[in-house]
Amino acid sequence: MKDQYPSQWLERAVDQLSLLPGIGRKTAMRMALHLLRQPPSYAQHLGEAIIDLRQKICYCERCHCISDSPLCDICSDPQRDQSTVCVVEQVKDVLTIEQTHRYKGLYHVLGGIISPIDGITPNDLEIESLYERVQEESVREVILAIRSTLEGDTTNYYIYKRLESTGVLVSLIARGISIGDEIEYADEVTLGSAIANRTPFDLSLIHI
């Protein structure tokens, strides 16, 4: 049975809010009613912030993290270690690692991991642009900070083989991160330690 709403505008708001991850229709209803109780300026500022989020944020042309300009603040920071690049799946992983305050290098966001079941191939990810960075920039080490799953390990191995001819050191974060865990959910101490105690990737092949 279809929910009955006293207003078509309330129904429309609930419909849109319930499309957000983890938001069911009951939660969406509470959010919509909360907005109605606020001054009109509250909803206006929220709406403007969402529109600006979608229209004004771009992706860094170097590392593919979100940015307000063609080159993000991390890539343009002269204090960062330009010789070290940490490879992650998604933008959220950059934010998580930054919260540890243990890593001072640069990043490279792949945009996902290789997953044949989901139809995601190396060509769908930012792997070639990583190869180009290693070729063109003074990169000495590439750190693979990707979840340890079958797909994640496949992605790690593919990147390792793709970069093998460049001579760059490819390392893997320590297994303080549990098998299958996503970077996003690791606590800051464990994640910081995993990055600090990384090991060369080729040593991990001994255990495969």
N, C-alpha and C. Protein backbone atom coordinates (compact mmCIF):
# COMPACT_ATOMS: atom_id res chain seq x y z
N MET A 1 0.85 -1.21 0.00
CA MET A 1 0.00 0.00 0.00
C MET A 1 0.87 1.24 0.00
N LYS A 2 0.55 2.17 -0.86
CA LYS A 2 1.34 3.38 -1.01
C LYS A 2 1.12 4.30 0.19
N ASP A 3 2.23 4.88 0.67
CA ASP A 3 2.12 5.82 1.78
C ASP A 3 1.27 7.02 1.38
N GLN A 4 0.51 7.51 2.36
CA GLN A 4 -0.33 8.68 2.12
C GLN A 4 0.35 9.90 2.73
N TYR A 5 0.49 10.95 1.96
CA TYR A 5 1.14 12.17 2.42
C TYR A 5 0.16 13.34 2.34
N PRO A 6 0.21 14.26 3.33
CA PRO A 6 -0.68 15.42 3.29
C PRO A 6 -0.22 16.47 2.29
N SER A 7 0.99 16.28 1.74
CA SER A 7 1.53 17.25 0.78
C SER A 7 2.35 16.54 -0.27
N GLN A 8 2.17 16.93 -1.52
CA GLN A 8 2.95 16.33 -2.59
C GLN A 8 4.43 16.74 -2.48
N TRP A 9 4.66 17.95 -1.88
CA TRP A 9 6.03 18.41 -1.74
C TRP A 9 6.77 17.62 -0.66
N LEU A 10 6.05 17.26 0.39
CA LEU A 10 6.63 16.40 1.42
C LEU A 10 6.96 15.03 0.83
N GLU A 11 6.06 14.49 0.05
CA GLU A 11 6.28 13.19 -0.59
C GLU A 11 7.49 13.24 -1.51
N ARG A 12 7.62 14.31 -2.25
CA ARG A 12 8.75 14.45 -3.17
C ARG A 12 10.06 14.52 -2.39
N ALA A 13 10.06 15.26 -1.27
CA ALA A 13 11.27 15.37 -0.45
C ALA A 13 11.65 14.01 0.13
N VAL A 14 10.66 13.28 0.63
CA VAL A 14 10.91 11.95 1.19
C VAL A 14 11.45 11.01 0.11
N ASP A 15 10.88 11.08 -1.07
CA ASP A 15 11.33 10.24 -2.18
C ASP A 15 12.81 10.47 -2.48
N GLN A 16 13.22 11.74 -2.50
CA GLN A 16 14.60 12.07 -2.84
C GLN A 16 15.56 11.74 -1.70
N LEU A 17 15.16 12.06 -0.47
CA LEU A 17 16.03 11.78 0.67
C LEU A 17 16.24 10.29 0.87
N SER A 18 15.23 9.49 0.56
CA SER A 18 15.34 8.03 0.75
C SER A 18 16.26 7.38 -0.27
N LEU A 19 16.69 8.13 -1.28
CA LEU A 19 17.64 7.62 -2.25
C LEU A 19 19.07 7.64 -1.73
N LEU A 20 19.30 8.37 -0.63
CA LEU A 20 20.63 8.45 -0.04
C LEU A 20 21.00 7.11 0.59
N PRO A 21 22.30 6.74 0.57
CA PRO A 21 22.73 5.44 1.14
C PRO A 21 22.36 5.34 2.62
N GLY A 22 21.76 4.22 3.00
CA GLY A 22 21.44 3.97 4.39
C GLY A 22 20.24 4.73 4.92
N ILE A 23 19.54 5.43 4.06
CA ILE A 23 18.37 6.21 4.49
C ILE A 23 17.09 5.54 3.99
N GLY A 24 16.30 5.01 4.93
CA GLY A 24 15.01 4.43 4.56
C GLY A 24 13.95 5.51 4.54
N ARG A 25 12.72 5.14 4.20
CA ARG A 25 11.66 6.13 4.07
C ARG A 25 11.27 6.74 5.43
N LYS A 26 11.35 5.95 6.50
CA LYS A 26 11.01 6.50 7.81
C LYS A 26 12.02 7.56 8.23
N THR A 27 13.30 7.25 8.01
CA THR A 27 14.34 8.23 8.33
C THR A 27 14.22 9.45 7.43
N ALA A 28 13.92 9.22 6.16
CA ALA A 28 13.74 10.33 5.23
C ALA A 28 12.58 11.22 5.67
N MET A 29 11.51 10.62 6.19
CA MET A 29 10.38 11.39 6.68
C MET A 29 10.79 12.26 7.86
N ARG A 30 11.55 11.69 8.80
CA ARG A 30 12.01 12.46 9.95
C ARG A 30 12.89 13.63 9.52
N MET A 31 13.75 13.39 8.53
CA MET A 31 14.62 14.45 8.03
C MET A 31 13.80 15.56 7.38
N ALA A 32 12.81 15.17 6.59
CA ALA A 32 11.97 16.16 5.90
C ALA A 32 11.19 17.01 6.90
N LEU A 33 10.63 16.37 7.93
CA LEU A 33 9.87 17.09 8.95
C LEU A 33 10.79 17.99 9.77
N HIS A 34 12.01 17.54 9.98
CA HIS A 34 12.99 18.38 10.68
C HIS A 34 13.26 19.66 9.87
N LEU A 35 13.42 19.49 8.56
CA LEU A 35 13.66 20.65 7.71
C LEU A 35 12.49 21.63 7.76
N LEU A 36 11.29 21.10 7.84
CA LEU A 36 10.11 21.96 7.90
C LEU A 36 10.07 22.79 9.18
N ARG A 37 10.68 22.29 10.23
CA ARG A 37 10.66 23.01 11.51
C ARG A 37 11.73 24.10 11.59
N GLN A 38 12.65 24.09 10.62
CA GLN A 38 13.73 25.06 10.62
C GLN A 38 13.34 26.33 9.85
N PRO A 39 14.06 27.44 10.10
CA PRO A 39 13.81 28.67 9.31
C PRO A 39 14.04 28.40 7.82
N PRO A 40 13.35 29.09 6.96
CA PRO A 40 13.53 28.88 5.51
C PRO A 40 14.99 29.00 5.06
N SER A 41 15.76 29.86 5.74
CA SER A 41 17.16 30.05 5.35
C SER A 41 17.98 28.77 5.54
N TYR A 42 17.59 27.94 6.52
CA TYR A 42 18.29 26.68 6.79
C TYR A 42 18.22 25.76 5.56
N ALA A 43 17.02 25.58 5.04
CA ALA A 43 16.83 24.73 3.87
C ALA A 43 17.51 25.33 2.65
N GLN A 44 17.47 26.66 2.56
CA GLN A 44 18.10 27.32 1.41
C GLN A 44 19.61 27.10 1.42
N HIS A 45 20.23 27.28 2.59
CA HIS A 45 21.69 27.09 2.69
C HIS A 45 22.07 25.63 2.43
N LEU A 46 21.25 24.71 2.94
CA LEU A 46 21.51 23.29 2.70
C LEU A 46 21.41 22.97 1.21
N GLY A 47 20.37 23.48 0.58
CA GLY A 47 20.20 23.25 -0.85
C GLY A 47 21.35 23.83 -1.67
N GLU A 48 21.79 25.03 -1.31
CA GLU A 48 22.90 25.66 -2.04
C GLU A 48 24.19 24.87 -1.85
N ALA A 49 24.39 24.35 -0.62
CA ALA A 49 25.60 23.58 -0.35
C ALA A 49 25.62 22.29 -1.19
N ILE A 50 24.47 21.66 -1.34
CA ILE A 50 24.39 20.43 -2.12
C ILE A 50 24.61 20.71 -3.61
N ILE A 51 24.02 21.80 -4.09
CA ILE A 51 24.20 22.17 -5.50
C ILE A 51 25.67 22.51 -5.77
N ASP A 52 26.30 23.28 -4.86
CA ASP A 52 27.72 23.61 -5.02
C ASP A 52 28.58 22.37 -4.98
N LEU A 53 28.21 21.42 -4.09
CA LEU A 53 28.94 20.16 -3.99
C LEU A 53 28.99 19.45 -5.34
N ARG A 54 27.85 19.42 -6.00
CA ARG A 54 27.75 18.69 -7.27
C ARG A 54 28.33 19.46 -8.45
N GLN A 55 28.19 20.78 -8.43
CA GLN A 55 28.55 21.57 -9.60
C GLN A 55 29.97 22.15 -9.55
N LYS A 56 30.51 22.37 -8.35
CA LYS A 56 31.78 23.08 -8.25
C LYS A 56 32.97 22.21 -7.90
N ILE A 57 32.71 21.03 -7.32
CA ILE A 57 33.83 20.14 -7.01
C ILE A 57 34.28 19.43 -8.28
N CYS A 58 35.60 19.37 -8.46
CA CYS A 58 36.15 18.65 -9.62
C CYS A 58 37.12 17.59 -9.10
N TYR A 59 37.81 16.93 -9.99
CA TYR A 59 38.78 15.92 -9.60
C TYR A 59 40.17 16.38 -9.99
N CYS A 60 41.11 16.20 -9.07
CA CYS A 60 42.49 16.60 -9.31
C CYS A 60 43.02 15.89 -10.55
N GLU A 61 43.60 16.64 -11.45
CA GLU A 61 44.08 16.05 -12.70
C GLU A 61 45.34 15.21 -12.50
N ARG A 62 45.91 15.28 -11.31
CA ARG A 62 47.12 14.52 -11.02
C ARG A 62 46.83 13.24 -10.24
N CYS A 63 46.07 13.36 -9.14
CA CYS A 63 45.85 12.19 -8.28
C CYS A 63 44.40 11.68 -8.31
N HIS A 64 43.50 12.46 -8.90
CA HIS A 64 42.08 12.08 -9.07
C HIS A 64 41.28 12.12 -7.77
N CYS A 65 41.81 12.83 -6.77
CA CYS A 65 41.03 13.07 -5.56
C CYS A 65 40.13 14.28 -5.82
N ILE A 66 39.09 14.47 -4.99
CA ILE A 66 38.22 15.62 -5.18
C ILE A 66 38.99 16.90 -4.85
N SER A 67 38.60 17.98 -5.52
CA SER A 67 39.34 19.23 -5.37
C SER A 67 38.47 20.40 -5.78
N ASP A 68 38.87 21.59 -5.35
CA ASP A 68 38.18 22.81 -5.78
C ASP A 68 38.89 23.44 -6.97
N SER A 69 40.02 22.86 -7.36
CA SER A 69 40.81 23.39 -8.47
C SER A 69 41.43 22.23 -9.24
N PRO A 70 41.99 22.49 -10.42
CA PRO A 70 42.57 21.40 -11.21
C PRO A 70 43.63 20.58 -10.47
N LEU A 71 44.33 21.22 -9.52
CA LEU A 71 45.33 20.52 -8.72
C LEU A 71 44.93 20.64 -7.26
N CYS A 72 44.77 19.50 -6.58
CA CYS A 72 44.29 19.52 -5.19
C CYS A 72 45.32 20.10 -4.23
N ASP A 73 44.88 20.39 -3.02
CA ASP A 73 45.76 21.00 -2.02
C ASP A 73 46.92 20.08 -1.65
N ILE A 74 46.70 18.77 -1.64
CA ILE A 74 47.78 17.85 -1.28
C ILE A 74 48.85 17.82 -2.36
N CYS A 75 48.43 17.71 -3.61
CA CYS A 75 49.40 17.66 -4.71
C CYS A 75 50.18 18.98 -4.86
N SER A 76 49.55 20.08 -4.52
CA SER A 76 50.19 21.38 -4.69
C SER A 76 50.97 21.83 -3.45
N ASP A 77 50.95 21.02 -2.41
CA ASP A 77 51.66 21.36 -1.16
C ASP A 77 53.14 21.03 -1.28
N PRO A 78 54.03 22.03 -1.28
CA PRO A 78 55.47 21.76 -1.43
C PRO A 78 56.06 21.02 -0.25
N GLN A 79 55.33 20.95 0.87
CA GLN A 79 55.84 20.26 2.05
C GLN A 79 55.60 18.75 1.99
N ARG A 80 54.78 18.31 1.05
CA ARG A 80 54.53 16.87 0.93
C ARG A 80 55.69 16.18 0.22
N ASP A 81 55.91 14.93 0.56
CA ASP A 81 56.96 14.13 -0.06
C ASP A 81 56.51 13.76 -1.48
N GLN A 82 57.12 14.38 -2.46
CA GLN A 82 56.73 14.19 -3.84
C GLN A 82 57.22 12.85 -4.42
N SER A 83 58.06 12.16 -3.68
CA SER A 83 58.65 10.91 -4.20
C SER A 83 57.86 9.67 -3.81
N THR A 84 56.83 9.85 -2.97
CA THR A 84 56.06 8.71 -2.49
C THR A 84 54.60 8.88 -2.87
N VAL A 85 54.02 7.84 -3.46
CA VAL A 85 52.62 7.89 -3.89
C VAL A 85 51.87 6.71 -3.26
N CYS A 86 50.81 7.02 -2.53
CA CYS A 86 49.98 5.99 -1.92
C CYS A 86 48.75 5.75 -2.79
N VAL A 87 48.59 4.51 -3.24
CA VAL A 87 47.49 4.16 -4.14
C VAL A 87 46.31 3.64 -3.33
N VAL A 88 45.14 4.26 -3.52
CA VAL A 88 43.93 3.86 -2.80
C VAL A 88 42.79 3.64 -3.79
N GLU A 89 41.72 3.02 -3.29
CA GLU A 89 40.57 2.74 -4.15
C GLU A 89 39.72 3.97 -4.40
N GLN A 90 39.35 4.66 -3.31
CA GLN A 90 38.37 5.73 -3.41
C GLN A 90 38.84 6.96 -2.66
N VAL A 91 38.16 8.08 -2.92
CA VAL A 91 38.47 9.35 -2.27
C VAL A 91 38.36 9.22 -0.75
N LYS A 92 37.38 8.47 -0.27
CA LYS A 92 37.18 8.32 1.18
C LYS A 92 38.41 7.74 1.86
N ASP A 93 39.21 6.94 1.12
CA ASP A 93 40.41 6.35 1.70
C ASP A 93 41.49 7.41 1.93
N VAL A 94 41.55 8.40 1.05
CA VAL A 94 42.48 9.52 1.24
C VAL A 94 42.14 10.25 2.53
N LEU A 95 40.86 10.54 2.73
CA LEU A 95 40.41 11.25 3.93
C LEU A 95 40.74 10.46 5.18
N THR A 96 40.57 9.14 5.12
CA THR A 96 40.84 8.29 6.27
C THR A 96 42.33 8.28 6.61
N ILE A 97 43.18 8.12 5.61
CA ILE A 97 44.62 8.08 5.84
C ILE A 97 45.13 9.43 6.34
N GLU A 98 44.58 10.51 5.83
CA GLU A 98 45.00 11.85 6.27
C GLU A 98 44.72 12.05 7.76
N GLN A 99 43.68 11.41 8.27
CA GLN A 99 43.33 11.56 9.69
C GLN A 99 44.35 10.90 10.61
N THR A 100 45.20 10.02 10.07
CA THR A 100 46.22 9.37 10.90
C THR A 100 47.39 10.31 11.18
N HIS A 101 47.61 11.29 10.30
CA HIS A 101 48.73 12.24 10.42
C HIS A 101 50.08 11.52 10.40
N ARG A 102 50.11 10.33 9.81
CA ARG A 102 51.34 9.54 9.76
C ARG A 102 51.93 9.49 8.35
N TYR A 103 51.18 9.95 7.38
CA TYR A 103 51.65 9.85 5.99
C TYR A 103 51.79 11.26 5.40
N LYS A 104 52.93 11.54 4.80
CA LYS A 104 53.21 12.88 4.28
C LYS A 104 53.50 12.89 2.78
N GLY A 105 53.18 11.80 2.10
CA GLY A 105 53.42 11.75 0.66
C GLY A 105 52.20 12.16 -0.13
N LEU A 106 52.14 11.73 -1.39
CA LEU A 106 51.03 12.03 -2.28
C LEU A 106 50.12 10.81 -2.42
N TYR A 107 49.06 10.98 -3.17
CA TYR A 107 48.08 9.90 -3.36
C TYR A 107 47.80 9.67 -4.84
N HIS A 108 47.15 8.52 -5.10
CA HIS A 108 46.62 8.24 -6.43
C HIS A 108 45.35 7.43 -6.23
N VAL A 109 44.23 7.99 -6.64
CA VAL A 109 42.92 7.34 -6.45
C VAL A 109 42.56 6.55 -7.70
N LEU A 110 42.40 5.24 -7.54
CA LEU A 110 42.09 4.38 -8.68
C LEU A 110 40.65 4.53 -9.18
N GLY A 111 39.74 4.78 -8.25
CA GLY A 111 38.33 4.83 -8.62
C GLY A 111 37.64 3.48 -8.52
N GLY A 112 38.28 2.53 -7.80
CA GLY A 112 37.70 1.20 -7.63
C GLY A 112 38.78 0.14 -7.67
N ILE A 113 38.38 -1.12 -7.81
CA ILE A 113 39.33 -2.23 -7.93
C ILE A 113 38.88 -3.15 -9.06
N ILE A 114 39.80 -3.93 -9.56
CA ILE A 114 39.49 -4.87 -10.65
C ILE A 114 38.49 -5.91 -10.15
N SER A 115 37.39 -6.04 -10.85
CA SER A 115 36.36 -7.01 -10.46
C SER A 115 35.64 -7.51 -11.70
N PRO A 116 36.09 -8.62 -12.26
CA PRO A 116 35.46 -9.17 -13.47
C PRO A 116 33.96 -9.43 -13.30
N ILE A 117 33.56 -9.85 -12.10
CA ILE A 117 32.14 -10.13 -11.85
C ILE A 117 31.29 -8.89 -12.05
N ASP A 118 31.85 -7.73 -11.64
CA ASP A 118 31.14 -6.46 -11.78
C ASP A 118 31.46 -5.76 -13.09
N GLY A 119 32.26 -6.41 -13.92
CA GLY A 119 32.60 -5.83 -15.22
C GLY A 119 33.63 -4.72 -15.15
N ILE A 120 34.40 -4.66 -14.05
CA ILE A 120 35.41 -3.61 -13.89
C ILE A 120 36.78 -4.17 -14.28
N THR A 121 37.35 -3.62 -15.32
CA THR A 121 38.65 -4.05 -15.82
C THR A 121 39.70 -2.99 -15.52
N PRO A 122 40.98 -3.31 -15.72
CA PRO A 122 42.04 -2.31 -15.50
C PRO A 122 41.82 -1.02 -16.29
N ASN A 123 41.21 -1.15 -17.46
CA ASN A 123 40.97 0.03 -18.29
C ASN A 123 39.93 0.98 -17.69
N ASP A 124 39.14 0.49 -16.74
CA ASP A 124 38.13 1.32 -16.09
C ASP A 124 38.70 2.10 -14.92
N LEU A 125 39.93 1.79 -14.55
CA LEU A 125 40.56 2.41 -13.39
C LEU A 125 41.71 3.33 -13.80
N GLU A 126 42.18 4.11 -12.85
CA GLU A 126 43.28 5.06 -13.12
C GLU A 126 44.63 4.39 -12.92
N ILE A 127 44.84 3.28 -13.62
CA ILE A 127 46.10 2.56 -13.50
C ILE A 127 47.13 3.08 -14.51
N GLU A 128 46.69 3.34 -15.72
CA GLU A 128 47.62 3.87 -16.72
C GLU A 128 48.13 5.25 -16.34
N SER A 129 47.26 6.05 -15.73
CA SER A 129 47.70 7.39 -15.31
C SER A 129 48.71 7.28 -14.17
N LEU A 130 48.60 6.22 -13.35
CA LEU A 130 49.61 5.97 -12.31
C LEU A 130 50.94 5.62 -12.96
N TYR A 131 50.89 4.75 -13.96
CA TYR A 131 52.10 4.37 -14.69
C TYR A 131 52.77 5.60 -15.29
N GLU A 132 51.97 6.48 -15.86
CA GLU A 132 52.51 7.71 -16.46
C GLU A 132 53.14 8.61 -15.41
N ARG A 133 52.52 8.69 -14.22
CA ARG A 133 53.10 9.49 -13.15
C ARG A 133 54.47 8.97 -12.75
N VAL A 134 54.57 7.67 -12.62
CA VAL A 134 55.84 7.07 -12.22
C VAL A 134 56.90 7.32 -13.29
N GLN A 135 56.50 7.31 -14.55
CA GLN A 135 57.42 7.54 -15.65
C GLN A 135 57.87 9.00 -15.73
N GLU A 136 56.94 9.90 -15.46
CA GLU A 136 57.21 11.32 -15.68
C GLU A 136 57.66 12.09 -14.44
N GLU A 137 57.32 11.60 -13.26
CA GLU A 137 57.66 12.31 -12.03
C GLU A 137 58.78 11.57 -11.29
N SER A 138 59.30 12.24 -10.26
CA SER A 138 60.41 11.64 -9.48
C SER A 138 59.86 10.77 -8.36
N VAL A 139 59.13 9.74 -8.76
CA VAL A 139 58.52 8.82 -7.79
C VAL A 139 59.48 7.68 -7.49
N ARG A 140 59.78 7.50 -6.20
CA ARG A 140 60.68 6.42 -5.79
C ARG A 140 59.93 5.23 -5.20
N GLU A 141 58.75 5.51 -4.62
CA GLU A 141 58.00 4.42 -3.98
C GLU A 141 56.51 4.57 -4.23
N VAL A 142 55.86 3.46 -4.54
CA VAL A 142 54.41 3.40 -4.68
C VAL A 142 53.89 2.47 -3.60
N ILE A 143 53.03 3.01 -2.72
CA ILE A 143 52.47 2.22 -1.62
C ILE A 143 51.07 1.76 -2.01
N LEU A 144 50.82 0.48 -1.95
CA LEU A 144 49.50 -0.05 -2.27
C LEU A 144 48.68 -0.17 -0.99
N ALA A 145 47.66 0.68 -0.86
CA ALA A 145 46.80 0.68 0.33
C ALA A 145 45.39 0.29 -0.10
N ILE A 146 45.27 -0.95 -0.54
CA ILE A 146 44.00 -1.47 -1.06
C ILE A 146 43.56 -2.64 -0.19
N ARG A 147 42.27 -2.78 0.02
CA ARG A 147 41.75 -3.84 0.90
C ARG A 147 42.24 -5.22 0.46
N SER A 148 42.42 -6.08 1.43
CA SER A 148 42.92 -7.43 1.15
C SER A 148 41.76 -8.39 0.92
N THR A 149 41.27 -8.38 -0.31
CA THR A 149 40.26 -9.34 -0.76
C THR A 149 40.79 -9.94 -2.05
N LEU A 150 40.08 -10.88 -2.61
CA LEU A 150 40.51 -11.47 -3.87
C LEU A 150 40.65 -10.40 -4.94
N GLU A 151 39.65 -9.51 -5.02
CA GLU A 151 39.69 -8.44 -6.02
C GLU A 151 40.81 -7.43 -5.72
N GLY A 152 40.96 -7.13 -4.42
CA GLY A 152 41.99 -6.18 -4.03
C GLY A 152 43.38 -6.72 -4.31
N ASP A 153 43.60 -7.99 -3.98
CA ASP A 153 44.91 -8.60 -4.23
C ASP A 153 45.19 -8.71 -5.73
N THR A 154 44.14 -8.95 -6.50
CA THR A 154 44.30 -8.99 -7.97
C THR A 154 44.73 -7.63 -8.48
N THR A 155 44.12 -6.59 -7.94
CA THR A 155 44.45 -5.22 -8.35
C THR A 155 45.89 -4.89 -7.95
N ASN A 156 46.27 -5.26 -6.73
CA ASN A 156 47.65 -5.03 -6.27
C ASN A 156 48.65 -5.70 -7.20
N TYR A 157 48.39 -6.95 -7.54
CA TYR A 157 49.31 -7.70 -8.38
C TYR A 157 49.40 -7.10 -9.78
N TYR A 158 48.26 -6.68 -10.31
CA TYR A 158 48.25 -6.07 -11.65
C TYR A 158 49.09 -4.80 -11.66
N ILE A 159 48.92 -3.98 -10.63
CA ILE A 159 49.69 -2.73 -10.56
C ILE A 159 51.18 -3.03 -10.41
N TYR A 160 51.47 -4.00 -9.56
CA TYR A 160 52.87 -4.40 -9.36
C TYR A 160 53.53 -4.81 -10.68
N LYS A 161 52.85 -5.63 -11.46
CA LYS A 161 53.39 -6.09 -12.74
C LYS A 161 53.47 -4.94 -13.75
N ARG A 162 52.47 -4.03 -13.68
CA ARG A 162 52.47 -2.90 -14.63
C ARG A 162 53.64 -1.96 -14.35
N LEU A 163 54.02 -1.83 -13.09
CA LEU A 163 55.10 -0.90 -12.73
C LEU A 163 56.47 -1.57 -12.66
N GLU A 164 56.49 -2.87 -12.84
CA GLU A 164 57.73 -3.63 -12.66
C GLU A 164 58.87 -3.11 -13.53
N SER A 165 58.57 -2.72 -14.74
CA SER A 165 59.61 -2.28 -15.67
C SER A 165 60.17 -0.90 -15.34
N THR A 166 59.47 -0.15 -14.49
CA THR A 166 59.92 1.21 -14.15
C THR A 166 61.01 1.22 -13.09
N GLY A 167 61.14 0.12 -12.35
CA GLY A 167 62.16 0.07 -11.31
C GLY A 167 61.75 0.74 -10.01
N VAL A 168 60.54 1.28 -9.94
CA VAL A 168 60.08 1.94 -8.72
C VAL A 168 59.80 0.89 -7.64
N LEU A 169 60.05 1.25 -6.37
CA LEU A 169 59.75 0.35 -5.27
C LEU A 169 58.24 0.31 -5.07
N VAL A 170 57.65 -0.88 -5.11
CA VAL A 170 56.22 -1.06 -4.86
C VAL A 170 56.08 -1.77 -3.52
N SER A 171 55.43 -1.11 -2.56
CA SER A 171 55.28 -1.68 -1.22
C SER A 171 53.82 -1.87 -0.87
N LEU A 172 53.60 -2.68 0.14
CA LEU A 172 52.25 -3.05 0.56
C LEU A 172 52.10 -2.69 2.03
N ILE A 173 50.96 -2.07 2.39
CA ILE A 173 50.77 -1.73 3.80
C ILE A 173 50.76 -3.00 4.63
N ALA A 174 51.24 -2.90 5.85
CA ALA A 174 51.32 -4.07 6.74
C ALA A 174 49.94 -4.63 7.01
N ARG A 175 49.87 -5.91 7.34
CA ARG A 175 48.59 -6.57 7.54
C ARG A 175 48.01 -6.34 8.93
N GLY A 176 48.24 -5.14 9.47
CA GLY A 176 47.54 -4.75 10.68
C GLY A 176 46.07 -4.56 10.36
N ILE A 177 45.78 -4.35 9.07
CA ILE A 177 44.40 -4.26 8.60
C ILE A 177 43.90 -5.68 8.36
N SER A 178 42.79 -6.05 8.98
CA SER A 178 42.28 -7.40 8.87
C SER A 178 41.94 -7.76 7.43
N ILE A 179 42.04 -9.03 7.10
CA ILE A 179 41.72 -9.51 5.76
C ILE A 179 40.28 -9.14 5.42
N GLY A 180 40.11 -8.49 4.29
CA GLY A 180 38.77 -8.13 3.84
C GLY A 180 38.31 -6.77 4.31
N ASP A 181 39.03 -6.16 5.26
CA ASP A 181 38.60 -4.87 5.79
C ASP A 181 38.84 -3.75 4.78
N GLU A 182 37.96 -2.76 4.79
CA GLU A 182 38.14 -1.58 3.97
C GLU A 182 38.91 -0.54 4.79
N ILE A 183 39.73 0.26 4.10
CA ILE A 183 40.55 1.28 4.75
C ILE A 183 39.68 2.22 5.58
N GLU A 184 38.50 2.52 5.07
CA GLU A 184 37.60 3.48 5.69
C GLU A 184 37.27 3.13 7.14
N TYR A 185 37.21 1.83 7.45
CA TYR A 185 36.75 1.40 8.76
C TYR A 185 37.89 1.04 9.72
N ALA A 186 39.12 1.23 9.30
CA ALA A 186 40.25 0.95 10.19
C ALA A 186 40.44 2.12 11.15
N ASP A 187 40.82 1.80 12.40
CA ASP A 187 41.07 2.89 13.34
C ASP A 187 42.38 3.58 12.97
N GLU A 188 42.54 4.82 13.41
CA GLU A 188 43.66 5.65 12.98
C GLU A 188 45.01 5.07 13.40
N VAL A 189 45.08 4.51 14.62
CA VAL A 189 46.35 3.97 15.12
C VAL A 189 46.77 2.76 14.28
N THR A 190 45.83 1.85 14.03
CA THR A 190 46.13 0.65 13.24
C THR A 190 46.51 1.01 11.82
N LEU A 191 45.77 1.93 11.21
CA LEU A 191 46.04 2.33 9.84
C LEU A 191 47.38 3.03 9.73
N GLY A 192 47.65 3.93 10.68
CA GLY A 192 48.93 4.64 10.67
C GLY A 192 50.10 3.67 10.81
N SER A 193 49.94 2.68 11.67
CA SER A 193 50.98 1.68 11.87
C SER A 193 51.16 0.82 10.62
N ALA A 194 50.05 0.48 9.97
CA ALA A 194 50.12 -0.34 8.76
C ALA A 194 50.88 0.36 7.64
N ILE A 195 50.71 1.68 7.54
CA ILE A 195 51.42 2.44 6.52
C ILE A 195 52.90 2.56 6.89
N ALA A 196 53.16 2.86 8.16
CA ALA A 196 54.54 3.04 8.61
C ALA A 196 55.35 1.74 8.48
N ASN A 197 54.70 0.60 8.68
CA ASN A 197 55.39 -0.70 8.66
C ASN A 197 55.17 -1.46 7.35
N ARG A 198 54.97 -0.73 6.27
CA ARG A 198 54.75 -1.36 4.97
C ARG A 198 55.95 -2.20 4.56
N THR A 199 55.71 -3.17 3.66
CA THR A 199 56.76 -4.06 3.20
C THR A 199 56.80 -4.08 1.68
N PRO A 200 57.95 -4.39 1.09
CA PRO A 200 58.03 -4.48 -0.38
C PRO A 200 57.01 -5.50 -0.91
N PHE A 201 56.35 -5.16 -1.98
CA PHE A 201 55.29 -6.03 -2.50
C PHE A 201 55.82 -7.39 -2.92
N ASP A 202 57.03 -7.42 -3.48
CA ASP A 202 57.54 -8.71 -3.99
C ASP A 202 57.74 -9.72 -2.86
N LEU A 203 57.94 -9.24 -1.63
CA LEU A 203 58.07 -10.17 -0.51
C LEU A 203 56.74 -10.84 -0.19
N SER A 204 55.64 -10.15 -0.48
CA SER A 204 54.32 -10.72 -0.19
C SER A 204 54.01 -11.87 -1.15
N LEU A 205 54.68 -11.90 -2.30
CA LEU A 205 54.42 -12.95 -3.28
C LEU A 205 54.89 -14.32 -2.79
N ILE A 206 55.78 -14.31 -1.81
CA ILE A 206 56.30 -15.57 -1.28
C ILE A 206 55.18 -16.36 -0.62
N HIS A 207 54.18 -15.62 -0.08
CA HIS A 207 53.11 -16.28 0.66
C HIS A 207 51.90 -16.62 -0.21
N ILE A 208 51.99 -16.32 -1.50
CA ILE A 208 50.86 -16.61 -2.40
C ILE A 208 50.97 -18.03 -2.93
